[in-house]
Amino acid sequence: LMTWPMMLLSGIWYSLEGSPIGCASSRRCFRSRTFSNAA
């Protein structure tokens, strides 16, 4: 329940540009986003 939303909403698998505001703001709380952006 923790990891699936993290993978879906953090932008690891696909870009979240143009996604609804709720998705864009929720991805900031996922740690995996920062590592995927850096990689």
All heavy atoms as atom14 arrays in JSON, in Angstrom:
{
  "sequence": "LMTWPMMLLSGIWYSLEGSPIGCASSRRCFRSRTFSNAA",
  "atom14_mask": [
    [1, 1, 1, 1, 1, 1, 1, 1, 0, 0, 0, 0, 0, 0],
    [1, 1, 1, 1, 1, 1, 1, 1, 0, 0, 0, 0, 0, 0],
    [1, 1, 1, 1, 1, 1, 1, 0, 0, 0, 0, 0, 0, 0],
    [1, 1, 1, 1, 1, 1, 1, 1, 1, 1, 1, 1, 1, 1],
    [1, 1, 1, 1, 1, 1, 1, 0, 0, 0, 0, 0, 0, 0],
    [1, 1, 1, 1, 1, 1, 1, 1, 0, 0, 0, 0, 0, 0],
    [1, 1, 1, 1, 1, 1, 1, 1, 0, 0, 0, 0, 0, 0],
    [1, 1, 1, 1, 1, 1, 1, 1, 0, 0, 0, 0, 0, 0],
    [1, 1, 1, 1, 1, 1, 1, 1, 0, 0, 0, 0, 0, 0],
    [1, 1, 1, 1, 1, 1, 0, 0, 0, 0, 0, 0, 0, 0],
    [1, 1, 1, 1, 0, 0, 0, 0, 0, 0, 0, 0, 0, 0],
    [1, 1, 1, 1, 1, 1, 1, 1, 0, 0, 0, 0, 0, 0],
    [1, 1, 1, 1, 1, 1, 1, 1, 1, 1, 1, 1, 1, 1],
    [1, 1, 1, 1, 1, 1, 1, 1, 1, 1, 1, 1, 0, 0],
    [1, 1, 1, 1, 1, 1, 0, 0, 0, 0, 0, 0, 0, 0],
    [1, 1, 1, 1, 1, 1, 1, 1, 0, 0, 0, 0, 0, 0],
    [1, 1, 1, 1, 1, 1, 1, 1, 1, 0, 0, 0, 0, 0],
    [1, 1, 1, 1, 0, 0, 0, 0, 0, 0, 0, 0, 0, 0],
    [1, 1, 1, 1, 1, 1, 0, 0, 0, 0, 0, 0, 0, 0],
    [1, 1, 1, 1, 1, 1, 1, 0, 0, 0, 0, 0, 0, 0],
    [1, 1, 1, 1, 1, 1, 1, 1, 0, 0, 0, 0, 0, 0],
    [1, 1, 1, 1, 0, 0, 0, 0, 0, 0, 0, 0, 0, 0],
    [1, 1, 1, 1, 1, 1, 0, 0, 0, 0, 0, 0, 0, 0],
    [1, 1, 1, 1, 1, 0, 0, 0, 0, 0, 0, 0, 0, 0],
    [1, 1, 1, 1, 1, 1, 0, 0, 0, 0, 0, 0, 0, 0],
    [1, 1, 1, 1, 1, 1, 0, 0, 0, 0, 0, 0, 0, 0],
    [1, 1, 1, 1, 1, 1, 1, 1, 1, 1, 1, 0, 0, 0],
    [1, 1, 1, 1, 1, 1, 1, 1, 1, 1, 1, 0, 0, 0],
    [1, 1, 1, 1, 1, 1, 0, 0, 0, 0, 0, 0, 0, 0],
    [1, 1, 1, 1, 1, 1, 1, 1, 1, 1, 1, 0, 0, 0],
    [1, 1, 1, 1, 1, 1, 1, 1, 1, 1, 1, 0, 0, 0],
    [1, 1, 1, 1, 1, 1, 0, 0, 0, 0, 0, 0, 0, 0],
    [1, 1, 1, 1, 1, 1, 1, 1, 1, 1, 1, 0, 0, 0],
    [1, 1, 1, 1, 1, 1, 1, 0, 0, 0, 0, 0, 0, 0],
    [1, 1, 1, 1, 1, 1, 1, 1, 1, 1, 1, 0, 0, 0],
    [1, 1, 1, 1, 1, 1, 0, 0, 0, 0, 0, 0, 0, 0],
    [1, 1, 1, 1, 1, 1, 1, 1, 0, 0, 0, 0, 0, 0],
    [1, 1, 1, 1, 1, 0, 0, 0, 0, 0, 0, 0, 0, 0],
    [1, 1, 1, 1, 1, 0, 0, 0, 0, 0, 0, 0, 0, 0]
  ],
  "atom14_positions": [
    [[0.82, -1.21, 0.0], [0.0, 0.0, 0.0], [0.85, 1.26, 0.0], [0.41, 2.31, -0.45], [-0.94, 0.01, 1.21], [-2.14, -0.92, 1.14], [-2.89, -0.92, 2.47], [-3.06, -0.52, 0.01], [0.0, 0.0, 0.0], [0.0, 0.0, 0.0], [0.0, 0.0, 0.0], [0.0, 0.0, 0.0], [0.0, 0.0, 0.0], [0.0, 0.0, 0.0]],
    [[2.07, 1.16, 0.5], [2.98, 2.31, 0.5], [3.78, 2.41, -0.8], [3.95, 3.5, -1.33], [3.98, 2.2, 1.67], [3.39, 2.37, 3.02], [3.37, 4.03, 3.62], [4.99, 4.62, 3.3], [0.0, 0.0, 0.0], [0.0, 0.0, 0.0], [0.0, 0.0, 0.0], [0.0, 0.0, 0.0], [0.0, 0.0, 0.0], [0.0, 0.0, 0.0]],
    [[4.28, 1.28, -1.3], [5.21, 1.34, -2.42], [4.53, 1.54, -3.77], [5.1, 2.21, -4.63], [6.1, 0.09, -2.48], [5.27, -1.08, -2.52], [7.03, 0.04, -1.29], [0.0, 0.0, 0.0], [0.0, 0.0, 0.0], [0.0, 0.0, 0.0], [0.0, 0.0, 0.0], [0.0, 0.0, 0.0], [0.0, 0.0, 0.0], [0.0, 0.0, 0.0]],
    [[3.36, 0.97, -3.98], [2.71, 1.14, -5.28], [2.35, 2.59, -5.58], [2.66, 3.08, -6.66], [1.52, 0.2, -5.43], [1.98, -1.15, -5.85], [2.15, -2.24, -5.05], [2.39, -1.55, -7.15], [2.64, -3.29, -5.77], [2.79, -2.89, -7.08], [2.46, -0.9, -8.37], [3.25, -3.58, -8.18], [2.91, -1.59, -9.48], [3.3, -2.92, -9.37]],
    [[1.72, 3.3, -4.64], [1.51, 4.73, -4.93], [2.82, 5.49, -5.11], [2.91, 6.4, -5.93], [0.74, 5.24, -3.71], [0.11, 4.04, -3.13], [1.04, 2.9, -3.41], [0.0, 0.0, 0.0], [0.0, 0.0, 0.0], [0.0, 0.0, 0.0], [0.0, 0.0, 0.0], [0.0, 0.0, 0.0], [0.0, 0.0, 0.0], [0.0, 0.0, 0.0]],
    [[3.84, 5.1, -4.36], [5.14, 5.76, -4.5], [5.68, 5.56, -5.91], [6.16, 6.51, -6.54], [6.14, 5.21, -3.48], [7.45, 5.92, -3.51], [8.74, 5.26, -2.44], [7.94, 4.53, -1.1], [0.0, 0.0, 0.0], [0.0, 0.0, 0.0], [0.0, 0.0, 0.0], [0.0, 0.0, 0.0], [0.0, 0.0, 0.0], [0.0, 0.0, 0.0]],
    [[5.59, 4.36, -6.43], [6.1, 4.11, -7.77], [5.23, 4.77, -8.84], [5.74, 5.29, -9.83], [6.2, 2.61, -8.02], [7.31, 1.95, -7.23], [7.57, 0.23, -7.62], [6.14, -0.54, -6.9], [0.0, 0.0, 0.0], [0.0, 0.0, 0.0], [0.0, 0.0, 0.0], [0.0, 0.0, 0.0], [0.0, 0.0, 0.0], [0.0, 0.0, 0.0]],
    [[3.93, 4.77, -8.65], [3.03, 5.33, -9.65], [3.07, 6.85, -9.68], [3.0, 7.46, -10.74], [1.6, 4.86, -9.4], [1.32, 3.4, -9.7], [-0.09, 3.03, -9.24], [1.49, 3.11, -11.17], [0.0, 0.0, 0.0], [0.0, 0.0, 0.0], [0.0, 0.0, 0.0], [0.0, 0.0, 0.0], [0.0, 0.0, 0.0], [0.0, 0.0, 0.0]],
    [[3.15, 7.48, -8.5], [3.03, 8.94, -8.44], [4.36, 9.68, -8.34], [4.37, 10.91, -8.27], [2.14, 9.33, -7.26], [0.7, 8.84, -7.34], [-0.05, 9.19, -6.05], [0.0, 9.43, -8.54], [0.0, 0.0, 0.0], [0.0, 0.0, 0.0], [0.0, 0.0, 0.0], [0.0, 0.0, 0.0], [0.0, 0.0, 0.0], [0.0, 0.0, 0.0]],
    [[5.47, 8.97, -8.31], [6.74, 9.67, -8.18], [7.4, 9.95, -9.53], [8.41, 10.64, -9.59], [7.7, 8.87, -7.3], [8.03, 7.65, -7.92], [0.0, 0.0, 0.0], [0.0, 0.0, 0.0], [0.0, 0.0, 0.0], [0.0, 0.0, 0.0], [0.0, 0.0, 0.0], [0.0, 0.0, 0.0], [0.0, 0.0, 0.0], [0.0, 0.0, 0.0]],
    [[6.86, 9.41, -10.6], [7.42, 9.67, -11.91], [8.54, 8.73, -12.3], [9.31, 9.03, -13.21], [0.0, 0.0, 0.0], [0.0, 0.0, 0.0], [0.0, 0.0, 0.0], [0.0, 0.0, 0.0], [0.0, 0.0, 0.0], [0.0, 0.0, 0.0], [0.0, 0.0, 0.0], [0.0, 0.0, 0.0], [0.0, 0.0, 0.0], [0.0, 0.0, 0.0]],
    [[8.64, 7.59, -11.66], [9.68, 6.63, -12.0], [9.39, 5.97, -13.34], [10.27, 5.83, -14.18], [9.81, 5.56, -10.89], [10.38, 6.18, -9.63], [10.68, 4.4, -11.34], [10.46, 5.25, -8.46], [0.0, 0.0, 0.0], [0.0, 0.0, 0.0], [0.0, 0.0, 0.0], [0.0, 0.0, 0.0], [0.0, 0.0, 0.0], [0.0, 0.0, 0.0]],
    [[8.16, 5.57, -13.56], [7.82, 4.83, -14.77], [7.43, 5.72, -15.94], [7.59, 5.34, -17.09], [6.69, 3.86, -14.49], [7.11, 2.72, -13.6], [8.36, 2.24, -13.42], [6.26, 1.95, -12.77], [8.35, 1.21, -12.53], [7.07, 1.01, -12.11], [4.91, 1.95, -12.51], [6.56, 0.08, -11.23], [4.41, 1.03, -11.62], [5.23, 0.1, -10.99]],
    [[6.88, 6.87, -15.65], [6.42, 7.77, -16.72], [6.46, 9.2, -16.2], [6.48, 9.44, -15.01], [5.01, 7.4, -17.19], [4.01, 7.31, -16.07], [3.34, 8.43, -15.62], [3.76, 6.1, -15.45], [2.44, 8.36, -14.59], [2.85, 6.02, -14.41], [2.2, 7.15, -13.99], [1.31, 7.07, -12.95], [0.0, 0.0, 0.0], [0.0, 0.0, 0.0]],
    [[6.45, 10.13, -17.12], [6.5, 11.54, -16.75], [5.17, 12.0, -16.17], [4.1, 11.6, -16.64], [6.83, 12.37, -17.99], [6.76, 13.74, -17.66], [0.0, 0.0, 0.0], [0.0, 0.0, 0.0], [0.0, 0.0, 0.0], [0.0, 0.0, 0.0], [0.0, 0.0, 0.0], [0.0, 0.0, 0.0], [0.0, 0.0, 0.0], [0.0, 0.0, 0.0]],
    [[5.24, 12.84, -15.18], [4.03, 13.38, -14.56], [3.73, 14.8, -15.02], [2.88, 15.46, -14.45], [4.15, 13.34, -13.04], [4.13, 11.94, -12.43], [4.36, 12.02, -10.93], [2.83, 11.23, -12.72], [0.0, 0.0, 0.0], [0.0, 0.0, 0.0], [0.0, 0.0, 0.0], [0.0, 0.0, 0.0], [0.0, 0.0, 0.0], [0.0, 0.0, 0.0]],
    [[4.44, 15.25, -16.04], [4.15, 16.59, -16.56], [2.77, 16.58, -17.19], [2.41, 15.67, -17.93], [5.2, 17.0, -17.58], [6.53, 17.25, -16.92], [7.45, 18.04, -17.81], [6.95, 18.69, -18.74], [8.65, 18.0, -17.57], [0.0, 0.0, 0.0], [0.0, 0.0, 0.0], [0.0, 0.0, 0.0], [0.0, 0.0, 0.0], [0.0, 0.0, 0.0]],
    [[1.98, 17.57, -16.88], [0.61, 17.65, -17.38], [-0.37, 16.84, -16.57], [-1.54, 16.75, -16.93], [0.0, 0.0, 0.0], [0.0, 0.0, 0.0], [0.0, 0.0, 0.0], [0.0, 0.0, 0.0], [0.0, 0.0, 0.0], [0.0, 0.0, 0.0], [0.0, 0.0, 0.0], [0.0, 0.0, 0.0], [0.0, 0.0, 0.0], [0.0, 0.0, 0.0]],
    [[0.09, 16.24, -15.47], [-0.82, 15.47, -14.63], [-1.64, 16.42, -13.76], [-1.29, 17.6, -13.6], [-0.03, 14.5, -13.75], [0.84, 15.2, -12.9], [0.0, 0.0, 0.0], [0.0, 0.0, 0.0], [0.0, 0.0, 0.0], [0.0, 0.0, 0.0], [0.0, 0.0, 0.0], [0.0, 0.0, 0.0], [0.0, 0.0, 0.0], [0.0, 0.0, 0.0]],
    [[-2.74, 15.93, -13.2], [-3.55, 16.8, -12.34], [-2.74, 17.36, -11.17], [-1.73, 16.78, -10.76], [-4.66, 15.87, -11.83], [-4.71, 14.76, -12.81], [-3.33, 14.63, -13.37], [0.0, 0.0, 0.0], [0.0, 0.0, 0.0], [0.0, 0.0, 0.0], [0.0, 0.0, 0.0], [0.0, 0.0, 0.0], [0.0, 0.0, 0.0], [0.0, 0.0, 0.0]],
    [[-3.2, 18.46, -10.63], [-2.47, 19.15, -9.55], [-2.27, 18.24, -8.35], [-1.23, 18.27, -7.71], [-3.21, 20.45, -9.16], [-3.16, 21.42, -10.33], [-2.58, 21.08, -7.92], [-4.01, 22.65, -10.14], [0.0, 0.0, 0.0], [0.0, 0.0, 0.0], [0.0, 0.0, 0.0], [0.0, 0.0, 0.0], [0.0, 0.0, 0.0], [0.0, 0.0, 0.0]],
    [[-3.26, 17.41, -8.04], [-3.14, 16.49, -6.9], [-1.99, 15.52, -7.06], [-1.25, 15.25, -6.11], [0.0, 0.0, 0.0], [0.0, 0.0, 0.0], [0.0, 0.0, 0.0], [0.0, 0.0, 0.0], [0.0, 0.0, 0.0], [0.0, 0.0, 0.0], [0.0, 0.0, 0.0], [0.0, 0.0, 0.0], [0.0, 0.0, 0.0], [0.0, 0.0, 0.0]],
    [[-1.82, 15.0, -8.25], [-0.7, 14.08, -8.52], [0.62, 14.82, -8.44], [1.59, 14.31, -7.88], [-0.85, 13.44, -9.89], [-2.17, 12.26, -10.02], [0.0, 0.0, 0.0], [0.0, 0.0, 0.0], [0.0, 0.0, 0.0], [0.0, 0.0, 0.0], [0.0, 0.0, 0.0], [0.0, 0.0, 0.0], [0.0, 0.0, 0.0], [0.0, 0.0, 0.0]],
    [[0.67, 16.0, -9.01], [1.92, 16.77, -9.02], [2.35, 17.16, -7.61], [3.53, 17.13, -7.29], [1.76, 18.0, -9.89], [0.0, 0.0, 0.0], [0.0, 0.0, 0.0], [0.0, 0.0, 0.0], [0.0, 0.0, 0.0], [0.0, 0.0, 0.0], [0.0, 0.0, 0.0], [0.0, 0.0, 0.0], [0.0, 0.0, 0.0], [0.0, 0.0, 0.0]],
    [[1.39, 17.51, -6.77], [1.77, 17.92, -5.41], [2.06, 16.72, -4.53], [2.88, 16.81, -3.62], [0.68, 18.78, -4.8], [-0.52, 18.05, -4.68], [0.0, 0.0, 0.0], [0.0, 0.0, 0.0], [0.0, 0.0, 0.0], [0.0, 0.0, 0.0], [0.0, 0.0, 0.0], [0.0, 0.0, 0.0], [0.0, 0.0, 0.0], [0.0, 0.0, 0.0]],
    [[1.41, 15.58, -4.77], [1.65, 14.41, -3.93], [3.0, 13.77, -4.2], [3.57, 13.13, -3.34], [0.55, 13.37, -4.11], [0.61, 12.82, -5.4], [0.0, 0.0, 0.0], [0.0, 0.0, 0.0], [0.0, 0.0, 0.0], [0.0, 0.0, 0.0], [0.0, 0.0, 0.0], [0.0, 0.0, 0.0], [0.0, 0.0, 0.0], [0.0, 0.0, 0.0]],
    [[3.54, 13.96, -5.4], [4.81, 13.32, -5.71], [5.97, 13.93, -4.94], [7.02, 13.32, -4.82], [5.08, 13.37, -7.21], [5.39, 14.74, -7.72], [5.66, 14.71, -9.19], [5.9, 16.07, -9.65], [6.06, 16.39, -10.89], [6.0, 15.46, -11.8], [6.27, 17.63, -11.24], [0.0, 0.0, 0.0], [0.0, 0.0, 0.0], [0.0, 0.0, 0.0]],
    [[5.8, 15.12, -4.42], [6.88, 15.76, -3.66], [7.2, 15.02, -2.38], [8.29, 15.14, -1.86], [6.51, 17.21, -3.36], [6.57, 18.08, -4.57], [6.52, 19.55, -4.19], [6.85, 20.34, -5.34], [5.95, 20.9, -6.14], [4.68, 20.75, -5.88], [6.33, 21.59, -7.18], [0.0, 0.0, 0.0], [0.0, 0.0, 0.0], [0.0, 0.0, 0.0]],
    [[6.23, 14.26, -1.85], [6.47, 13.57, -0.58], [7.15, 12.21, -0.77], [7.54, 11.59, 0.21], [5.17, 13.41, 0.2], [3.99, 12.31, -0.56], [0.0, 0.0, 0.0], [0.0, 0.0, 0.0], [0.0, 0.0, 0.0], [0.0, 0.0, 0.0], [0.0, 0.0, 0.0], [0.0, 0.0, 0.0], [0.0, 0.0, 0.0], [0.0, 0.0, 0.0]],
    [[7.33, 11.76, -2.0], [7.93, 10.46, -2.23], [9.43, 10.59, -2.42], [9.92, 11.31, -3.27], [7.3, 9.79, -3.45], [5.86, 9.48, -3.27], [4.92, 9.94, -4.17], [5.42, 8.73, -2.19], [3.59, 9.66, -4.01], [4.09, 8.45, -2.03], [3.17, 8.91, -2.93], [0.0, 0.0, 0.0], [0.0, 0.0, 0.0], [0.0, 0.0, 0.0]],
    [[10.17, 9.85, -1.63], [11.63, 9.9, -1.64], [12.21, 9.35, -2.93], [13.27, 9.78, -3.39], [12.16, 9.13, -0.43], [13.61, 9.3, -0.2], [13.88, 10.7, 0.31], [15.3, 10.93, 0.33], [15.87, 12.01, -0.13], [15.16, 12.97, -0.63], [17.15, 12.16, -0.09], [0.0, 0.0, 0.0], [0.0, 0.0, 0.0], [0.0, 0.0, 0.0]],
    [[11.55, 8.38, -3.53], [12.08, 7.76, -4.74], [12.16, 8.76, -5.9], [12.97, 8.6, -6.81], [11.24, 6.55, -5.14], [9.9, 6.93, -5.29], [0.0, 0.0, 0.0], [0.0, 0.0, 0.0], [0.0, 0.0, 0.0], [0.0, 0.0, 0.0], [0.0, 0.0, 0.0], [0.0, 0.0, 0.0], [0.0, 0.0, 0.0], [0.0, 0.0, 0.0]],
    [[11.34, 9.78, -5.87], [11.35, 10.79, -6.94], [12.7, 11.49, -7.01], [13.25, 11.71, -8.09], [10.25, 11.82, -6.69], [10.26, 12.97, -7.68], [9.28, 14.05, -7.28], [9.57, 14.64, -5.99], [10.38, 15.67, -5.8], [10.97, 16.24, -6.81], [10.6, 16.14, -4.59], [0.0, 0.0, 0.0], [0.0, 0.0, 0.0], [0.0, 0.0, 0.0]],
    [[13.26, 11.84, -5.86], [14.52, 12.57, -5.86], [15.66, 11.72, -6.41], [16.51, 12.22, -7.14], [14.87, 13.08, -4.46], [14.98, 11.97, -3.57], [13.82, 14.03, -3.95], [0.0, 0.0, 0.0], [0.0, 0.0, 0.0], [0.0, 0.0, 0.0], [0.0, 0.0, 0.0], [0.0, 0.0, 0.0], [0.0, 0.0, 0.0], [0.0, 0.0, 0.0]],
    [[15.66, 10.43, -6.07], [16.72, 9.56, -6.56], [16.57, 9.29, -8.05], [17.55, 9.22, -8.78], [16.76, 8.25, -5.77], [17.21, 8.45, -4.36], [16.34, 8.32, -3.31], [18.52, 8.79, -4.09], [16.76, 8.51, -2.01], [18.96, 8.99, -2.8], [18.07, 8.85, -1.76], [0.0, 0.0, 0.0], [0.0, 0.0, 0.0], [0.0, 0.0, 0.0]],
    [[15.34, 9.13, -8.51], [15.15, 8.9, -9.95], [15.49, 10.16, -10.76], [16.07, 10.06, -11.84], [13.72, 8.44, -10.25], [12.79, 9.42, -9.94], [0.0, 0.0, 0.0], [0.0, 0.0, 0.0], [0.0, 0.0, 0.0], [0.0, 0.0, 0.0], [0.0, 0.0, 0.0], [0.0, 0.0, 0.0], [0.0, 0.0, 0.0], [0.0, 0.0, 0.0]],
    [[15.18, 11.33, -10.22], [15.56, 12.57, -10.9], [17.08, 12.71, -10.99], [17.62, 13.1, -12.02], [14.98, 13.79, -10.19], [13.5, 13.94, -10.4], [12.92, 13.3, -11.27], [12.88, 14.79, -9.61], [0.0, 0.0, 0.0], [0.0, 0.0, 0.0], [0.0, 0.0, 0.0], [0.0, 0.0, 0.0], [0.0, 0.0, 0.0], [0.0, 0.0, 0.0]],
    [[17.76, 12.38, -9.91], [19.22, 12.48, -9.9], [19.83, 11.46, -10.87], [20.76, 11.8, -11.62], [19.75, 12.25, -8.49], [0.0, 0.0, 0.0], [0.0, 0.0, 0.0], [0.0, 0.0, 0.0], [0.0, 0.0, 0.0], [0.0, 0.0, 0.0], [0.0, 0.0, 0.0], [0.0, 0.0, 0.0], [0.0, 0.0, 0.0], [0.0, 0.0, 0.0]],
    [[19.32, 10.25, -10.88], [19.85, 9.23, -11.79], [19.6, 9.6, -13.25], [20.46, 9.4, -14.1], [19.23, 7.87, -11.47], [0.0, 0.0, 0.0], [0.0, 0.0, 0.0], [0.0, 0.0, 0.0], [0.0, 0.0, 0.0], [0.0, 0.0, 0.0], [0.0, 0.0, 0.0], [0.0, 0.0, 0.0], [0.0, 0.0, 0.0], [0.0, 0.0, 0.0]]
  ]
}
